[in-house]
């Protein structure tokens, strides 16, 4: 049974990573870095995590951009958007279009920035270019931390072989729900 689990995880785990990075990526990428270090994603684990994590982040951000673009008036009325708008405007004034890159690292701004750029009608090609840079650096940074500190992280949360099955079902549940 354990061998079957690892085969399933090696074969399909990277798709779970893609799905989870569209929703919430920080913890997912740290854990994916640890798992990549331990070879859970098969040959070239780190590269797979980098590619699928970047793609997942971009899909999530582009969805937020599209919602802002298509539902401009509705989004402007969200309390979440109204609260974040002053911070986003200051960020955009300071960094211009590069605020897309900077916002990835500021808690509470990431999703609102995507909506803001959609509402503000930033050209899609420019948004995608800046978001690609942002997601690439974000994934590389967090995955590398997980990868290079996997020994310490594994010690803190225990042996992956013992909790691997639980992680698999949590990821599976997250994808289904």
Protein backbone atom coordinates (compact mmCIF):
# COMPACT_ATOMS: atom_id res chain seq x y z
CA UNK A 1 0.00 0.00 0.00
CA UNK A 2 2.80 2.40 0.92
CA UNK A 3 4.56 1.74 -2.40
CA UNK A 4 1.32 2.42 -4.30
CA UNK A 5 0.89 5.71 -2.44
CA UNK A 6 4.36 6.90 -3.42
CA UNK A 7 3.80 5.89 -7.02
CA UNK A 8 0.52 7.84 -7.08
CA UNK A 9 2.16 10.83 -5.46
CA UNK A 10 5.09 10.74 -7.88
CA UNK A 11 2.72 10.50 -10.83
CA UNK A 12 -0.07 12.90 -9.80
CA UNK A 13 1.29 14.97 -6.90
CA UNK A 14 2.61 17.64 -9.22
CA UNK A 15 -0.92 18.27 -10.51
CA UNK A 16 -2.11 18.71 -6.93
CA UNK A 17 0.67 21.26 -6.51
CA UNK A 18 -0.55 23.13 -9.58
CA UNK A 19 -4.11 23.21 -8.23
CA UNK A 20 -3.05 24.31 -4.75
CA UNK A 21 -0.78 27.08 -6.05
CA UNK A 22 -3.74 28.66 -7.83
CA UNK A 23 -5.40 29.11 -4.43
CA UNK A 24 -2.69 29.41 -1.78
CA UNK A 25 0.93 28.94 -2.58
CA UNK A 26 3.25 29.94 0.25
CA UNK A 27 2.90 26.89 2.50
CA UNK A 28 2.31 24.66 -0.52
CA UNK A 29 5.61 25.74 -2.08
CA UNK A 30 7.59 25.36 1.13
CA UNK A 31 6.29 21.82 1.56
CA UNK A 32 6.77 21.08 -2.14
CA UNK A 33 10.42 22.11 -1.76
CA UNK A 34 10.83 19.64 1.09
CA UNK A 35 9.09 16.92 -0.92
CA UNK A 36 11.21 17.71 -3.99
CA UNK A 37 14.37 17.38 -1.91
CA UNK A 38 13.21 13.93 -0.87
CA UNK A 39 12.40 12.95 -4.47
CA UNK A 40 8.64 12.69 -4.06
CA UNK A 41 7.96 14.13 -7.50
CA UNK A 42 10.30 11.76 -9.32
CA UNK A 43 13.17 12.68 -11.60
CA UNK A 44 13.91 16.44 -11.73
CA UNK A 45 11.61 17.11 -8.76
CA UNK A 46 12.78 20.68 -8.17
CA UNK A 47 12.33 21.67 -11.81
CA UNK A 48 8.83 20.15 -11.87
CA UNK A 49 7.86 22.08 -8.73
CA UNK A 50 9.28 25.28 -10.23
CA UNK A 51 7.38 24.92 -13.51
CA UNK A 52 4.05 23.76 -12.07
CA UNK A 53 4.21 26.18 -9.12
CA UNK A 54 4.84 29.12 -11.46
CA UNK A 55 2.04 28.01 -13.75
CA UNK A 56 -0.36 27.54 -10.81
CA UNK A 57 0.46 30.97 -9.40
CA UNK A 58 -0.08 32.58 -12.78
CA UNK A 59 -3.40 30.81 -13.31
CA UNK A 60 -4.67 32.05 -9.95
CA UNK A 61 -3.45 35.60 -10.55
CA UNK A 62 -4.85 35.70 -14.08
CA UNK A 63 -8.21 34.51 -12.76
CA UNK A 64 -8.18 37.43 -10.29
CA UNK A 65 -7.24 39.82 -13.09
CA UNK A 66 -10.08 38.47 -15.27
CA UNK A 67 -12.62 38.85 -12.45
CA UNK A 68 -11.52 42.47 -11.99
CA UNK A 69 -11.70 43.13 -15.71
CA UNK A 70 -15.07 41.46 -16.32
CA UNK A 71 -16.86 42.52 -13.13
CA UNK A 72 -15.36 45.95 -12.63
CA UNK A 73 -18.28 47.61 -10.84
CA UNK A 74 -19.02 44.64 -8.60
CA UNK A 75 -15.38 44.29 -7.56
CA UNK A 76 -15.18 47.99 -6.66
CA UNK A 77 -17.95 47.39 -4.10
CA UNK A 78 -16.18 44.48 -2.31
CA UNK A 79 -15.20 45.54 1.22
CA UNK A 80 -11.99 43.56 0.75
CA UNK A 81 -11.17 45.63 -2.33
CA UNK A 82 -12.11 48.93 -0.65
CA UNK A 83 -9.84 48.16 2.30
CA UNK A 84 -6.87 47.23 0.12
CA UNK A 85 -7.33 49.96 -2.50
CA UNK A 86 -5.46 52.78 -0.67
CA UNK A 87 -2.45 50.52 -0.05
CA UNK A 88 -2.50 49.31 -3.64
CA UNK A 89 -2.72 52.85 -5.01
CA UNK A 90 0.31 53.90 -2.91
CA UNK A 91 2.20 50.86 -4.16
CA UNK A 92 1.32 51.60 -7.79
CA UNK A 93 2.30 55.28 -7.37
CA UNK A 94 5.66 54.22 -5.96
CA UNK A 95 6.50 51.28 -8.26
CA UNK A 96 4.23 51.69 -11.31
CA UNK A 97 3.62 48.43 -13.15
CA UNK A 98 6.30 46.72 -11.09
CA UNK A 99 3.85 46.83 -8.19
CA UNK A 100 2.57 43.54 -9.64
CA UNK A 101 5.94 42.00 -8.75
CA UNK A 102 6.27 43.69 -5.35
CA UNK A 103 2.71 42.85 -4.28
CA UNK A 104 3.44 39.11 -4.31
CA UNK A 105 5.46 39.62 -1.12
CA UNK A 106 3.06 41.86 0.82
CA UNK A 107 0.48 40.01 2.88
CA UNK A 108 -3.10 40.98 2.12
CA UNK A 109 -2.30 42.70 -1.18
CA UNK A 110 -1.54 39.82 -3.56
CA UNK A 111 -5.10 38.96 -4.64
CA UNK A 112 -6.34 42.54 -4.44
CA UNK A 113 -3.53 43.65 -6.76
CA UNK A 114 -4.69 41.23 -9.44
CA UNK A 115 -8.26 42.51 -9.12
CA UNK A 116 -6.99 46.11 -9.13
CA UNK A 117 -5.06 45.59 -12.36
CA UNK A 118 -8.11 44.03 -13.97
CA UNK A 119 -10.36 46.87 -12.82
CA UNK A 120 -7.75 49.41 -13.95
CA UNK A 121 -7.57 47.71 -17.35
CA UNK A 122 -3.83 47.11 -17.37
CA UNK A 123 -3.11 45.47 -20.74
CA UNK A 124 -3.26 41.69 -20.34
CA UNK A 125 0.09 41.16 -22.07
CA UNK A 126 1.82 43.52 -19.63
CA UNK A 127 0.10 41.92 -16.64
CA UNK A 128 1.11 38.43 -17.79
CA UNK A 129 4.72 39.50 -18.35
CA UNK A 130 5.04 41.11 -14.91
CA UNK A 131 3.13 38.28 -13.26
CA UNK A 132 5.42 35.71 -14.87
CA UNK A 133 8.45 37.46 -13.36
CA UNK A 134 6.70 37.75 -10.01
CA UNK A 135 5.55 34.12 -9.87
CA UNK A 136 8.90 32.78 -11.11
CA UNK A 137 10.85 34.56 -8.37
CA UNK A 138 8.21 33.73 -5.73
CA UNK A 139 8.23 30.02 -6.57
CA UNK A 140 12.02 29.87 -6.78
CA UNK A 141 12.40 31.60 -3.42
CA UNK A 142 9.88 29.56 -1.43
CA UNK A 143 10.67 26.22 -3.06
CA UNK A 144 14.39 26.79 -2.48
CA UNK A 145 13.81 27.53 1.20
CA UNK A 146 11.84 24.29 1.53
CA UNK A 147 14.41 22.36 -0.50
CA UNK A 148 17.55 23.57 1.26
CA UNK A 149 16.09 23.54 4.76
CA UNK A 150 14.22 20.26 4.31
CA UNK A 151 16.20 18.58 7.08
CA UNK A 152 15.17 21.19 9.64
CA UNK A 153 11.59 21.31 8.37
CA UNK A 154 11.30 17.52 8.41
CA UNK A 155 12.57 17.48 12.00
CA UNK A 156 9.96 20.07 12.99
CA UNK A 157 6.96 18.33 11.43
CA UNK A 158 8.09 14.73 11.63
CA UNK A 159 8.96 11.97 9.23
CA UNK A 160 7.18 12.29 5.88
CA UNK A 161 6.76 8.55 5.58
CA UNK A 162 4.56 8.60 8.67
CA UNK A 163 2.45 11.58 7.62
CA UNK A 164 2.68 11.14 3.86
CA UNK A 165 -0.67 9.40 3.54
CA UNK A 166 -2.38 12.10 5.60
CA UNK A 167 -0.83 14.82 3.41
CA UNK A 168 -2.02 13.03 0.30
CA UNK A 169 -5.62 12.91 1.53
CA UNK A 170 -5.52 16.53 2.69
CA UNK A 171 -4.33 17.60 -0.76
CA UNK A 172 -6.92 15.38 -2.43
CA UNK A 173 -9.67 16.81 -0.21
CA UNK A 174 -8.48 20.36 -1.00
CA UNK A 175 -8.70 19.69 -4.72
CA UNK A 176 -12.15 18.10 -4.53
CA UNK A 177 -13.62 20.79 -2.30
